N, C-alpha and C. Protein backbone atom coordinates (compact mmCIF):
# COMPACT_ATOMS: atom_id res chain seq x y z
N TYR A 1 8.80 -68.05 101.03
CA TYR A 1 9.71 -68.15 99.89
C TYR A 1 9.10 -68.99 98.77
N GLN A 2 8.56 -70.14 99.09
CA GLN A 2 7.98 -71.02 98.06
C GLN A 2 6.81 -70.33 97.35
N ARG A 3 6.01 -69.61 98.10
CA ARG A 3 4.87 -68.91 97.49
C ARG A 3 5.37 -67.89 96.48
N ARG A 4 6.45 -67.18 96.82
CA ARG A 4 7.01 -66.18 95.92
C ARG A 4 7.55 -66.85 94.65
N VAL A 5 8.25 -67.97 94.83
CA VAL A 5 8.81 -68.69 93.68
C VAL A 5 7.68 -69.16 92.77
N HIS A 6 6.63 -69.73 93.35
CA HIS A 6 5.50 -70.18 92.53
C HIS A 6 4.80 -69.00 91.85
N GLY A 7 4.72 -67.88 92.55
CA GLY A 7 4.12 -66.68 91.96
C GLY A 7 4.91 -66.18 90.77
N VAL A 8 6.23 -66.14 90.89
CA VAL A 8 7.08 -65.71 89.78
C VAL A 8 6.91 -66.67 88.61
N ASP A 9 6.92 -67.97 88.88
CA ASP A 9 6.72 -68.95 87.81
C ASP A 9 5.38 -68.76 87.12
N PHE A 10 4.34 -68.51 87.90
CA PHE A 10 3.01 -68.30 87.33
C PHE A 10 3.02 -67.10 86.38
N VAL A 11 3.61 -65.99 86.82
CA VAL A 11 3.66 -64.78 86.00
C VAL A 11 4.44 -65.04 84.71
N LEU A 12 5.61 -65.66 84.84
CA LEU A 12 6.43 -65.94 83.66
C LEU A 12 5.70 -66.85 82.68
N ASP A 13 5.04 -67.87 83.19
CA ASP A 13 4.28 -68.78 82.32
C ASP A 13 3.13 -68.06 81.62
N ALA A 14 2.40 -67.23 82.35
CA ALA A 14 1.27 -66.51 81.75
C ALA A 14 1.74 -65.57 80.65
N ILE A 15 2.84 -64.87 80.90
CA ILE A 15 3.35 -63.95 79.87
C ILE A 15 3.87 -64.73 78.68
N GLU A 16 4.50 -65.85 78.91
CA GLU A 16 4.97 -66.69 77.79
C GLU A 16 3.80 -67.15 76.93
N GLU A 17 2.71 -67.56 77.57
CA GLU A 17 1.51 -67.97 76.83
C GLU A 17 0.92 -66.80 76.05
N LEU A 18 0.95 -65.63 76.63
CA LEU A 18 0.43 -64.44 75.98
C LEU A 18 1.27 -64.03 74.78
N MET A 19 2.55 -64.32 74.83
CA MET A 19 3.45 -63.90 73.75
C MET A 19 3.15 -64.59 72.42
N GLY A 20 2.62 -65.79 72.44
CA GLY A 20 2.28 -66.48 71.18
C GLY A 20 1.33 -65.65 70.34
N PRO A 21 0.18 -65.26 70.88
CA PRO A 21 -0.74 -64.41 70.12
C PRO A 21 -0.15 -63.04 69.79
N VAL A 22 0.67 -62.47 70.68
CA VAL A 22 1.30 -61.18 70.41
C VAL A 22 2.20 -61.29 69.18
N VAL A 23 3.00 -62.33 69.12
CA VAL A 23 3.92 -62.53 67.99
C VAL A 23 3.13 -62.71 66.70
N LYS A 24 2.02 -63.43 66.75
CA LYS A 24 1.19 -63.59 65.55
C LYS A 24 0.73 -62.23 65.02
N VAL A 25 0.34 -61.34 65.92
CA VAL A 25 -0.10 -60.01 65.50
C VAL A 25 1.07 -59.23 64.90
N LEU A 26 2.22 -59.30 65.56
CA LEU A 26 3.38 -58.53 65.11
C LEU A 26 3.88 -58.97 63.74
N PHE A 27 3.77 -60.25 63.42
CA PHE A 27 4.36 -60.76 62.20
C PHE A 27 3.33 -61.16 61.15
N SER A 28 2.18 -60.53 61.18
CA SER A 28 1.17 -60.76 60.15
C SER A 28 0.73 -59.42 59.59
N GLN A 29 -0.07 -59.49 58.54
CA GLN A 29 -0.52 -58.26 57.90
C GLN A 29 -1.96 -58.40 57.46
N GLY A 30 -2.57 -57.27 57.18
CA GLY A 30 -3.91 -57.24 56.58
C GLY A 30 -4.98 -57.91 57.42
N GLU A 31 -5.84 -58.67 56.71
CA GLU A 31 -6.96 -59.33 57.39
C GLU A 31 -6.48 -60.37 58.40
N THR A 32 -5.39 -61.03 58.08
CA THR A 32 -4.84 -62.02 59.02
C THR A 32 -4.42 -61.34 60.31
N GLN A 33 -3.76 -60.20 60.20
CA GLN A 33 -3.34 -59.46 61.38
C GLN A 33 -4.56 -59.01 62.19
N ALA A 34 -5.57 -58.55 61.50
CA ALA A 34 -6.79 -58.11 62.19
C ALA A 34 -7.44 -59.27 62.95
N GLN A 35 -7.45 -60.45 62.34
CA GLN A 35 -8.03 -61.62 63.01
C GLN A 35 -7.20 -62.02 64.23
N PHE A 36 -5.87 -62.01 64.08
CA PHE A 36 -5.00 -62.33 65.21
C PHE A 36 -5.14 -61.28 66.32
N ALA A 37 -5.30 -60.01 65.94
CA ALA A 37 -5.48 -58.95 66.93
C ALA A 37 -6.78 -59.15 67.70
N LYS A 38 -7.82 -59.55 67.00
CA LYS A 38 -9.10 -59.83 67.65
C LYS A 38 -8.94 -60.99 68.64
N GLU A 39 -8.25 -62.04 68.22
CA GLU A 39 -8.01 -63.19 69.10
C GLU A 39 -7.21 -62.76 70.34
N LEU A 40 -6.22 -61.90 70.13
CA LEU A 40 -5.40 -61.42 71.24
C LEU A 40 -6.26 -60.63 72.23
N THR A 41 -7.03 -59.68 71.73
CA THR A 41 -7.77 -58.79 72.62
C THR A 41 -8.99 -59.46 73.26
N GLU A 42 -9.62 -60.39 72.56
CA GLU A 42 -10.85 -60.99 73.07
C GLU A 42 -10.64 -62.30 73.83
N VAL A 43 -9.53 -62.99 73.54
CA VAL A 43 -9.32 -64.30 74.15
C VAL A 43 -8.05 -64.34 75.01
N ALA A 44 -6.91 -64.09 74.38
CA ALA A 44 -5.63 -64.29 75.08
C ALA A 44 -5.40 -63.31 76.22
N ARG A 45 -5.64 -62.02 75.98
CA ARG A 45 -5.39 -61.05 77.06
C ARG A 45 -6.27 -61.29 78.27
N PRO A 46 -7.59 -61.48 78.10
CA PRO A 46 -8.39 -61.77 79.29
C PRO A 46 -7.95 -63.05 80.01
N LYS A 47 -7.58 -64.05 79.23
CA LYS A 47 -7.20 -65.34 79.82
C LYS A 47 -5.89 -65.25 80.60
N TYR A 48 -4.91 -64.53 80.07
CA TYR A 48 -3.59 -64.50 80.71
C TYR A 48 -3.32 -63.22 81.47
N ALA A 49 -3.67 -62.07 80.92
CA ALA A 49 -3.40 -60.81 81.62
C ALA A 49 -4.43 -60.57 82.72
N GLY A 50 -5.63 -61.10 82.58
CA GLY A 50 -6.65 -60.93 83.61
C GLY A 50 -6.20 -61.42 84.98
N PRO A 51 -5.72 -62.67 85.10
CA PRO A 51 -5.24 -63.14 86.39
C PRO A 51 -4.02 -62.35 86.90
N LEU A 52 -3.17 -61.90 85.98
CA LEU A 52 -2.01 -61.10 86.39
C LEU A 52 -2.47 -59.76 86.95
N GLU A 53 -3.50 -59.18 86.35
CA GLU A 53 -4.06 -57.91 86.85
C GLU A 53 -4.57 -58.11 88.28
N LYS A 54 -5.24 -59.21 88.53
CA LYS A 54 -5.75 -59.48 89.88
C LYS A 54 -4.59 -59.63 90.88
N MET A 55 -3.53 -60.32 90.47
CA MET A 55 -2.36 -60.46 91.34
C MET A 55 -1.77 -59.10 91.66
N ALA A 56 -1.59 -58.29 90.62
CA ALA A 56 -0.98 -56.96 90.81
C ALA A 56 -1.87 -56.08 91.68
N ALA A 57 -3.17 -56.15 91.47
CA ALA A 57 -4.10 -55.33 92.25
C ALA A 57 -4.10 -55.73 93.73
N ALA A 58 -3.86 -57.00 94.01
CA ALA A 58 -3.86 -57.49 95.39
C ALA A 58 -2.54 -57.21 96.11
N SER A 59 -1.52 -56.85 95.36
CA SER A 59 -0.20 -56.62 95.96
C SER A 59 -0.18 -55.35 96.79
N LYS A 60 0.37 -55.45 97.95
CA LYS A 60 0.52 -54.27 98.80
C LYS A 60 1.86 -53.56 98.55
N SER A 61 2.79 -54.24 97.91
CA SER A 61 4.13 -53.69 97.70
C SER A 61 4.27 -52.91 96.40
N GLY A 62 3.34 -53.13 95.47
CA GLY A 62 3.47 -52.52 94.16
C GLY A 62 4.19 -53.40 93.16
N PHE A 63 4.78 -54.49 93.66
CA PHE A 63 5.38 -55.48 92.79
C PHE A 63 4.36 -56.59 92.57
N ILE A 64 4.49 -57.31 91.47
CA ILE A 64 3.48 -58.32 91.18
C ILE A 64 3.60 -59.53 92.10
N VAL A 65 4.81 -59.84 92.54
CA VAL A 65 5.04 -60.97 93.45
C VAL A 65 6.04 -60.52 94.52
N GLY A 66 5.68 -60.67 95.77
CA GLY A 66 6.62 -60.36 96.83
C GLY A 66 6.77 -58.87 97.09
N ASP A 67 7.87 -58.54 97.78
CA ASP A 67 8.05 -57.15 98.20
C ASP A 67 9.28 -56.49 97.61
N HIS A 68 9.84 -57.10 96.56
CA HIS A 68 10.97 -56.47 95.88
C HIS A 68 10.95 -56.86 94.40
N LEU A 69 11.73 -56.17 93.62
CA LEU A 69 11.81 -56.39 92.18
C LEU A 69 12.24 -57.82 91.87
N THR A 70 11.47 -58.47 91.00
CA THR A 70 11.81 -59.82 90.55
C THR A 70 11.75 -59.88 89.03
N LEU A 71 12.15 -61.00 88.49
CA LEU A 71 12.06 -61.22 87.05
C LEU A 71 10.62 -61.07 86.57
N ALA A 72 9.66 -61.44 87.40
CA ALA A 72 8.25 -61.30 87.03
C ALA A 72 7.90 -59.84 86.74
N ASP A 73 8.38 -58.93 87.59
CA ASP A 73 8.12 -57.50 87.38
C ASP A 73 8.77 -57.01 86.09
N LEU A 74 9.99 -57.45 85.85
CA LEU A 74 10.69 -57.05 84.63
C LEU A 74 9.96 -57.52 83.38
N ARG A 75 9.39 -58.73 83.44
CA ARG A 75 8.65 -59.24 82.29
C ARG A 75 7.35 -58.47 82.08
N VAL A 76 6.68 -58.08 83.16
CA VAL A 76 5.48 -57.25 83.03
C VAL A 76 5.85 -55.93 82.36
N HIS A 77 6.92 -55.32 82.82
CA HIS A 77 7.38 -54.06 82.22
C HIS A 77 7.68 -54.25 80.74
N SER A 78 8.39 -55.29 80.42
CA SER A 78 8.74 -55.55 79.03
C SER A 78 7.50 -55.73 78.17
N LEU A 79 6.56 -56.49 78.65
CA LEU A 79 5.34 -56.74 77.89
C LEU A 79 4.56 -55.45 77.64
N LEU A 80 4.44 -54.63 78.66
CA LEU A 80 3.58 -53.44 78.54
C LEU A 80 4.27 -52.24 77.93
N HIS A 81 5.60 -52.13 78.06
CA HIS A 81 6.24 -50.88 77.65
C HIS A 81 7.36 -51.01 76.63
N GLN A 82 7.78 -52.20 76.31
CA GLN A 82 8.88 -52.31 75.36
C GLN A 82 8.49 -53.02 74.08
N LEU A 83 7.28 -53.52 74.02
CA LEU A 83 6.84 -54.27 72.86
C LEU A 83 5.81 -53.44 72.10
N PRO A 84 6.19 -52.91 70.93
CA PRO A 84 5.23 -52.11 70.17
C PRO A 84 4.15 -53.00 69.56
N LEU A 85 2.91 -52.64 69.77
CA LEU A 85 1.81 -53.41 69.19
C LEU A 85 1.06 -52.57 68.18
N PRO A 86 0.75 -53.15 67.03
CA PRO A 86 0.01 -52.42 66.00
C PRO A 86 -1.49 -52.38 66.32
N LEU A 87 -2.21 -51.70 65.49
CA LEU A 87 -3.66 -51.66 65.50
C LEU A 87 -4.24 -51.09 66.79
N GLY A 88 -3.47 -50.26 67.48
CA GLY A 88 -3.97 -49.63 68.68
C GLY A 88 -4.12 -50.56 69.88
N ILE A 89 -3.51 -51.73 69.81
CA ILE A 89 -3.59 -52.68 70.93
C ILE A 89 -2.74 -52.15 72.08
N ASN A 90 -3.33 -52.14 73.25
CA ASN A 90 -2.59 -51.70 74.44
C ASN A 90 -3.13 -52.44 75.66
N TYR A 91 -2.61 -52.08 76.79
CA TYR A 91 -3.01 -52.72 78.05
C TYR A 91 -3.61 -51.70 79.01
N ASP A 92 -4.27 -50.69 78.46
CA ASP A 92 -4.85 -49.63 79.29
C ASP A 92 -5.89 -50.14 80.27
N GLU A 93 -6.58 -51.23 79.93
CA GLU A 93 -7.62 -51.74 80.83
C GLU A 93 -7.06 -52.58 81.97
N TYR A 94 -5.74 -52.57 82.12
CA TYR A 94 -5.07 -53.30 83.19
C TYR A 94 -4.26 -52.31 84.04
N PRO A 95 -4.92 -51.47 84.83
CA PRO A 95 -4.20 -50.42 85.55
C PRO A 95 -3.22 -50.93 86.60
N ALA A 96 -3.50 -52.04 87.23
CA ALA A 96 -2.56 -52.56 88.23
C ALA A 96 -1.28 -53.06 87.55
N LEU A 97 -1.42 -53.68 86.39
CA LEU A 97 -0.22 -54.09 85.64
C LEU A 97 0.55 -52.87 85.16
N GLN A 98 -0.18 -51.84 84.74
CA GLN A 98 0.48 -50.59 84.34
C GLN A 98 1.26 -50.00 85.51
N ALA A 99 0.70 -50.08 86.71
CA ALA A 99 1.38 -49.55 87.89
C ALA A 99 2.66 -50.34 88.18
N VAL A 100 2.61 -51.66 88.03
CA VAL A 100 3.82 -52.48 88.22
C VAL A 100 4.87 -52.07 87.21
N ALA A 101 4.47 -51.94 85.95
CA ALA A 101 5.41 -51.57 84.90
C ALA A 101 6.01 -50.19 85.16
N ALA A 102 5.21 -49.26 85.64
CA ALA A 102 5.72 -47.92 85.95
C ALA A 102 6.70 -47.96 87.12
N LYS A 103 6.42 -48.79 88.11
CA LYS A 103 7.33 -48.92 89.25
C LYS A 103 8.67 -49.49 88.79
N VAL A 104 8.62 -50.46 87.89
CA VAL A 104 9.85 -51.03 87.35
C VAL A 104 10.61 -49.96 86.57
N ALA A 105 9.92 -49.21 85.73
CA ALA A 105 10.57 -48.17 84.93
C ALA A 105 11.22 -47.10 85.79
N ALA A 106 10.66 -46.86 86.98
CA ALA A 106 11.20 -45.84 87.87
C ALA A 106 12.37 -46.34 88.72
N ASP A 107 12.60 -47.63 88.72
CA ASP A 107 13.70 -48.19 89.52
C ASP A 107 15.04 -47.68 88.99
N PRO A 108 15.89 -47.13 89.84
CA PRO A 108 17.18 -46.59 89.37
C PRO A 108 18.06 -47.62 88.66
N ARG A 109 17.96 -48.87 89.07
CA ARG A 109 18.77 -49.91 88.40
C ARG A 109 18.29 -50.15 86.98
N VAL A 110 16.99 -50.12 86.79
CA VAL A 110 16.42 -50.30 85.46
C VAL A 110 16.74 -49.08 84.60
N GLN A 111 16.63 -47.90 85.17
CA GLN A 111 16.96 -46.68 84.43
C GLN A 111 18.43 -46.68 84.01
N ALA A 112 19.31 -47.12 84.88
CA ALA A 112 20.74 -47.18 84.55
C ALA A 112 20.98 -48.18 83.43
N TRP A 113 20.32 -49.31 83.49
CA TRP A 113 20.48 -50.32 82.45
C TRP A 113 19.97 -49.80 81.11
N ARG A 114 18.81 -49.13 81.13
CA ARG A 114 18.26 -48.59 79.88
C ARG A 114 19.16 -47.51 79.29
N ALA A 115 19.75 -46.69 80.14
CA ALA A 115 20.68 -45.65 79.67
C ALA A 115 21.91 -46.28 79.05
N LYS A 116 22.40 -47.33 79.66
CA LYS A 116 23.58 -48.04 79.14
C LYS A 116 23.26 -48.68 77.79
N GLU A 117 22.09 -49.30 77.69
CA GLU A 117 21.67 -49.92 76.43
C GLU A 117 21.48 -48.89 75.32
N ALA A 118 20.93 -47.73 75.67
CA ALA A 118 20.71 -46.68 74.67
C ALA A 118 22.03 -46.12 74.15
N ALA A 119 23.06 -46.17 74.99
CA ALA A 119 24.37 -45.63 74.59
C ALA A 119 25.12 -46.58 73.66
N LEU A 120 24.69 -47.82 73.57
CA LEU A 120 25.41 -48.78 72.71
C LEU A 120 25.17 -48.55 71.25
């Protein structure tokens, strides 16, 4: 149990750290945006998404931490599939994270929630 809790905390912290550079890219323009995008792709993503990719790749359950859906999985899904990034930035080079996000998207509870949100 403690290992799972620490794993979830690690994932949430890493994604929170990654969001700073993501927000800079989203809310800038022109040359400044290009510089922030370079910083995101060359520094922040390898530093924060790299360890998450290793965690996801080592998982036997398909979830990033433990054997069932957690907040960590939902945050991975949100980062990879709900946040539009400009300049062609994506997470294609992180296939294990993509697999976690796809597993979350396929969860009937998540699908029901998304359908409810879309109807609002």
